[in-house]
């Protein structure tokens, strides 16, 4: 069985519209993984629905994605 090589990328991540949680640089394999890692490490406050919205930017390409993280399930989905 072939081994899959997981390549880490550097991402800039911050809680959307929350100035108390500044930008952090994280190294992960995907945008989603970077969003989850940020929430696990820095614990920004959740909204009334128990969700956190974070913006993730790939430092190499400049591409940016927004995710809503459900703290009960741990699932991330695109904002929108």
N, C-alpha and C. Protein backbone atom coordinates (compact mmCIF):
# COMPACT_ATOMS: atom_id res chain seq x y z
N UNK A 1 0.85 -1.17 0.00
CA UNK A 1 0.00 0.00 0.00
C UNK A 1 0.89 1.24 0.00
N UNK A 2 0.60 2.18 -0.86
CA UNK A 2 1.40 3.39 -0.96
C UNK A 2 1.08 4.33 0.20
N UNK A 3 2.13 4.94 0.72
CA UNK A 3 1.96 5.92 1.80
C UNK A 3 1.61 7.26 1.17
N UNK A 4 0.69 7.98 1.81
CA UNK A 4 0.37 9.32 1.32
C UNK A 4 1.19 10.32 2.13
N UNK A 5 1.81 11.22 1.42
CA UNK A 5 2.63 12.24 2.04
C UNK A 5 1.78 13.47 2.28
N UNK A 6 1.64 13.85 3.53
CA UNK A 6 0.84 15.02 3.88
C UNK A 6 1.76 16.24 3.92
N UNK A 7 1.50 17.18 3.04
CA UNK A 7 2.34 18.37 2.94
C UNK A 7 1.70 19.50 3.72
N UNK A 8 2.48 20.08 4.62
CA UNK A 8 1.99 21.21 5.39
C UNK A 8 2.22 22.51 4.62
N UNK A 9 1.27 23.40 4.78
CA UNK A 9 1.38 24.74 4.21
C UNK A 9 1.21 25.73 5.35
N UNK A 10 1.67 26.94 5.12
CA UNK A 10 1.53 27.98 6.15
C UNK A 10 0.31 28.83 5.84
N UNK A 11 -0.49 29.01 6.88
CA UNK A 11 -1.73 29.78 6.76
C UNK A 11 -1.77 30.87 7.82
N UNK A 12 -2.33 31.99 7.45
CA UNK A 12 -2.65 33.06 8.38
C UNK A 12 -4.13 32.86 8.75
N UNK A 13 -4.42 32.80 10.05
CA UNK A 13 -5.79 32.54 10.49
C UNK A 13 -6.17 33.54 11.57
N UNK A 14 -7.39 34.04 11.50
CA UNK A 14 -7.90 34.89 12.59
C UNK A 14 -9.41 34.76 12.70
N UNK A 15 -9.89 35.02 13.91
CA UNK A 15 -11.33 34.99 14.16
C UNK A 15 -11.96 36.18 13.44
N UNK A 16 -12.99 35.91 12.69
CA UNK A 16 -13.67 36.95 11.90
C UNK A 16 -14.35 37.94 12.84
N UNK A 17 -14.06 39.21 12.65
CA UNK A 17 -14.66 40.31 13.41
C UNK A 17 -14.46 40.20 14.91
N UNK A 18 -13.29 39.72 15.33
CA UNK A 18 -12.99 39.65 16.76
C UNK A 18 -11.55 40.13 16.95
N UNK A 19 -11.40 41.39 17.30
CA UNK A 19 -10.08 42.01 17.42
C UNK A 19 -9.27 41.48 18.61
N UNK A 20 -9.93 40.79 19.55
CA UNK A 20 -9.21 40.27 20.72
C UNK A 20 -8.33 39.08 20.36
N UNK A 21 -8.60 38.46 19.22
CA UNK A 21 -7.83 37.30 18.77
C UNK A 21 -7.10 37.67 17.49
N UNK A 22 -5.84 38.10 17.62
CA UNK A 22 -5.10 38.54 16.43
C UNK A 22 -4.75 37.37 15.51
N UNK A 23 -4.20 37.71 14.38
CA UNK A 23 -3.80 36.73 13.38
C UNK A 23 -2.73 35.80 13.95
N UNK A 24 -2.86 34.53 13.62
CA UNK A 24 -1.85 33.51 13.99
C UNK A 24 -1.42 32.80 12.71
N UNK A 25 -0.19 32.37 12.69
CA UNK A 25 0.33 31.56 11.58
C UNK A 25 0.32 30.11 12.04
N UNK A 26 -0.32 29.25 11.25
CA UNK A 26 -0.36 27.83 11.56
C UNK A 26 0.11 27.05 10.34
N UNK A 27 0.68 25.88 10.56
CA UNK A 27 1.10 24.99 9.49
C UNK A 27 0.22 23.76 9.51
N UNK A 28 -0.51 23.55 8.42
CA UNK A 28 -1.44 22.43 8.31
C UNK A 28 -1.50 21.97 6.87
N UNK A 29 -2.20 20.87 6.62
CA UNK A 29 -2.30 20.29 5.28
C UNK A 29 -3.39 20.92 4.42
N UNK A 30 -4.36 21.62 5.04
CA UNK A 30 -5.45 22.20 4.26
C UNK A 30 -6.02 23.43 4.96
N UNK A 31 -6.84 24.17 4.21
CA UNK A 31 -7.51 25.32 4.80
C UNK A 31 -8.37 24.90 5.99
N UNK A 32 -9.12 23.82 5.82
CA UNK A 32 -10.00 23.34 6.89
C UNK A 32 -9.21 22.94 8.13
N UNK A 33 -8.11 22.23 7.93
CA UNK A 33 -7.28 21.80 9.06
C UNK A 33 -6.69 23.02 9.78
N UNK A 34 -6.33 24.05 9.03
CA UNK A 34 -5.80 25.27 9.65
C UNK A 34 -6.87 25.96 10.49
N UNK A 35 -8.11 25.99 9.98
CA UNK A 35 -9.21 26.61 10.74
C UNK A 35 -9.45 25.86 12.04
N UNK A 36 -9.50 24.53 11.99
CA UNK A 36 -9.73 23.72 13.20
C UNK A 36 -8.58 23.88 14.18
N UNK A 37 -7.34 23.86 13.68
CA UNK A 37 -6.17 24.00 14.55
C UNK A 37 -6.19 25.34 15.28
N UNK A 38 -6.57 26.40 14.57
CA UNK A 38 -6.65 27.72 15.19
C UNK A 38 -7.65 27.72 16.35
N UNK A 39 -8.82 27.17 16.10
CA UNK A 39 -9.86 27.14 17.14
C UNK A 39 -9.41 26.30 18.33
N UNK A 40 -8.79 25.15 18.06
CA UNK A 40 -8.31 24.29 19.15
C UNK A 40 -7.23 24.95 19.98
N UNK A 41 -6.34 25.71 19.33
CA UNK A 41 -5.21 26.32 20.03
C UNK A 41 -5.53 27.65 20.69
N UNK A 42 -6.41 28.46 20.09
CA UNK A 42 -6.57 29.83 20.56
C UNK A 42 -7.95 30.15 21.13
N UNK A 43 -8.92 29.26 21.03
CA UNK A 43 -10.21 29.36 21.70
C UNK A 43 -10.90 30.72 21.58
N UNK A 44 -11.14 31.20 20.35
CA UNK A 44 -11.91 32.45 20.23
C UNK A 44 -13.33 32.22 20.72
N UNK A 45 -14.02 33.27 21.15
CA UNK A 45 -15.38 33.11 21.68
C UNK A 45 -16.38 32.70 20.60
N UNK A 46 -17.31 31.85 20.99
CA UNK A 46 -18.35 31.38 20.07
C UNK A 46 -19.52 32.35 20.05
N UNK A 47 -20.31 32.27 18.98
CA UNK A 47 -21.53 33.08 18.90
C UNK A 47 -22.66 32.36 19.63
N UNK A 48 -23.86 32.90 19.56
CA UNK A 48 -25.01 32.34 20.28
C UNK A 48 -25.38 30.93 19.83
N UNK A 49 -24.96 30.56 18.61
CA UNK A 49 -25.23 29.22 18.08
C UNK A 49 -24.12 28.22 18.39
N UNK A 50 -23.11 28.64 19.15
CA UNK A 50 -21.99 27.75 19.48
C UNK A 50 -21.03 27.57 18.32
N UNK A 51 -20.94 28.58 17.46
CA UNK A 51 -20.06 28.52 16.30
C UNK A 51 -19.03 29.64 16.33
N UNK A 52 -17.92 29.39 15.66
CA UNK A 52 -16.86 30.39 15.52
C UNK A 52 -16.59 30.55 14.04
N UNK A 53 -16.47 31.78 13.60
CA UNK A 53 -16.17 32.07 12.19
C UNK A 53 -14.73 32.52 12.10
N UNK A 54 -13.93 31.86 11.24
CA UNK A 54 -12.52 32.21 11.07
C UNK A 54 -12.20 32.42 9.60
N UNK A 55 -11.24 33.31 9.34
CA UNK A 55 -10.73 33.54 8.00
C UNK A 55 -9.35 32.90 7.90
N UNK A 56 -9.13 32.14 6.84
CA UNK A 56 -7.88 31.42 6.63
C UNK A 56 -7.29 31.86 5.30
N UNK A 57 -6.02 32.28 5.31
CA UNK A 57 -5.35 32.73 4.10
C UNK A 57 -4.07 31.91 3.90
N UNK A 58 -3.93 31.31 2.72
CA UNK A 58 -2.72 30.58 2.35
C UNK A 58 -1.63 31.62 2.11
N UNK A 59 -0.56 31.56 2.86
CA UNK A 59 0.49 32.58 2.75
C UNK A 59 1.25 32.49 1.43
N UNK A 60 1.32 31.32 0.82
CA UNK A 60 2.04 31.18 -0.45
C UNK A 60 1.24 31.71 -1.64
N UNK A 61 -0.05 31.42 -1.66
CA UNK A 61 -0.87 31.79 -2.82
C UNK A 61 -1.71 33.05 -2.62
N UNK A 62 -1.99 33.37 -1.35
CA UNK A 62 -2.86 34.51 -1.06
C UNK A 62 -4.34 34.17 -1.09
N UNK A 63 -4.69 32.92 -1.44
CA UNK A 63 -6.10 32.52 -1.45
C UNK A 63 -6.65 32.53 -0.03
N UNK A 64 -7.89 32.99 0.11
CA UNK A 64 -8.51 33.11 1.42
C UNK A 64 -9.86 32.40 1.43
N UNK A 65 -10.14 31.74 2.56
CA UNK A 65 -11.43 31.06 2.75
C UNK A 65 -11.95 31.38 4.15
N UNK A 66 -13.26 31.45 4.27
CA UNK A 66 -13.92 31.68 5.55
C UNK A 66 -14.62 30.38 5.95
N UNK A 67 -14.51 30.01 7.24
CA UNK A 67 -15.15 28.81 7.75
C UNK A 67 -15.91 29.11 9.02
N UNK A 68 -17.02 28.40 9.19
CA UNK A 68 -17.77 28.40 10.46
C UNK A 68 -17.50 27.06 11.10
N UNK A 69 -17.04 27.08 12.34
CA UNK A 69 -16.71 25.86 13.07
C UNK A 69 -17.78 25.65 14.14
N UNK A 70 -18.41 24.50 14.12
CA UNK A 70 -19.40 24.13 15.13
C UNK A 70 -18.65 23.51 16.30
N UNK A 71 -18.71 24.14 17.46
CA UNK A 71 -17.96 23.63 18.62
C UNK A 71 -18.50 22.32 19.17
N UNK A 72 -19.79 22.04 18.96
CA UNK A 72 -20.35 20.77 19.43
C UNK A 72 -19.88 19.59 18.60
N UNK A 73 -19.88 19.75 17.27
CA UNK A 73 -19.52 18.63 16.39
C UNK A 73 -18.07 18.67 15.95
N UNK A 74 -17.44 19.87 15.99
CA UNK A 74 -16.08 20.01 15.50
C UNK A 74 -16.00 20.12 13.99
N UNK A 75 -17.14 20.22 13.32
CA UNK A 75 -17.15 20.29 11.87
C UNK A 75 -16.96 21.72 11.39
N UNK A 76 -16.28 21.85 10.24
CA UNK A 76 -16.06 23.15 9.61
C UNK A 76 -16.80 23.15 8.29
N UNK A 77 -17.46 24.27 8.01
CA UNK A 77 -18.12 24.44 6.71
C UNK A 77 -17.86 25.85 6.24
N UNK A 78 -17.89 26.06 4.91
CA UNK A 78 -17.66 27.40 4.38
C UNK A 78 -18.70 28.39 4.89
N UNK A 79 -18.28 29.63 5.10
CA UNK A 79 -19.21 30.69 5.48
C UNK A 79 -20.14 30.96 4.31
N UNK A 80 -21.29 31.48 4.61
CA UNK A 80 -22.13 31.84 3.50
C UNK A 80 -23.51 31.81 3.81
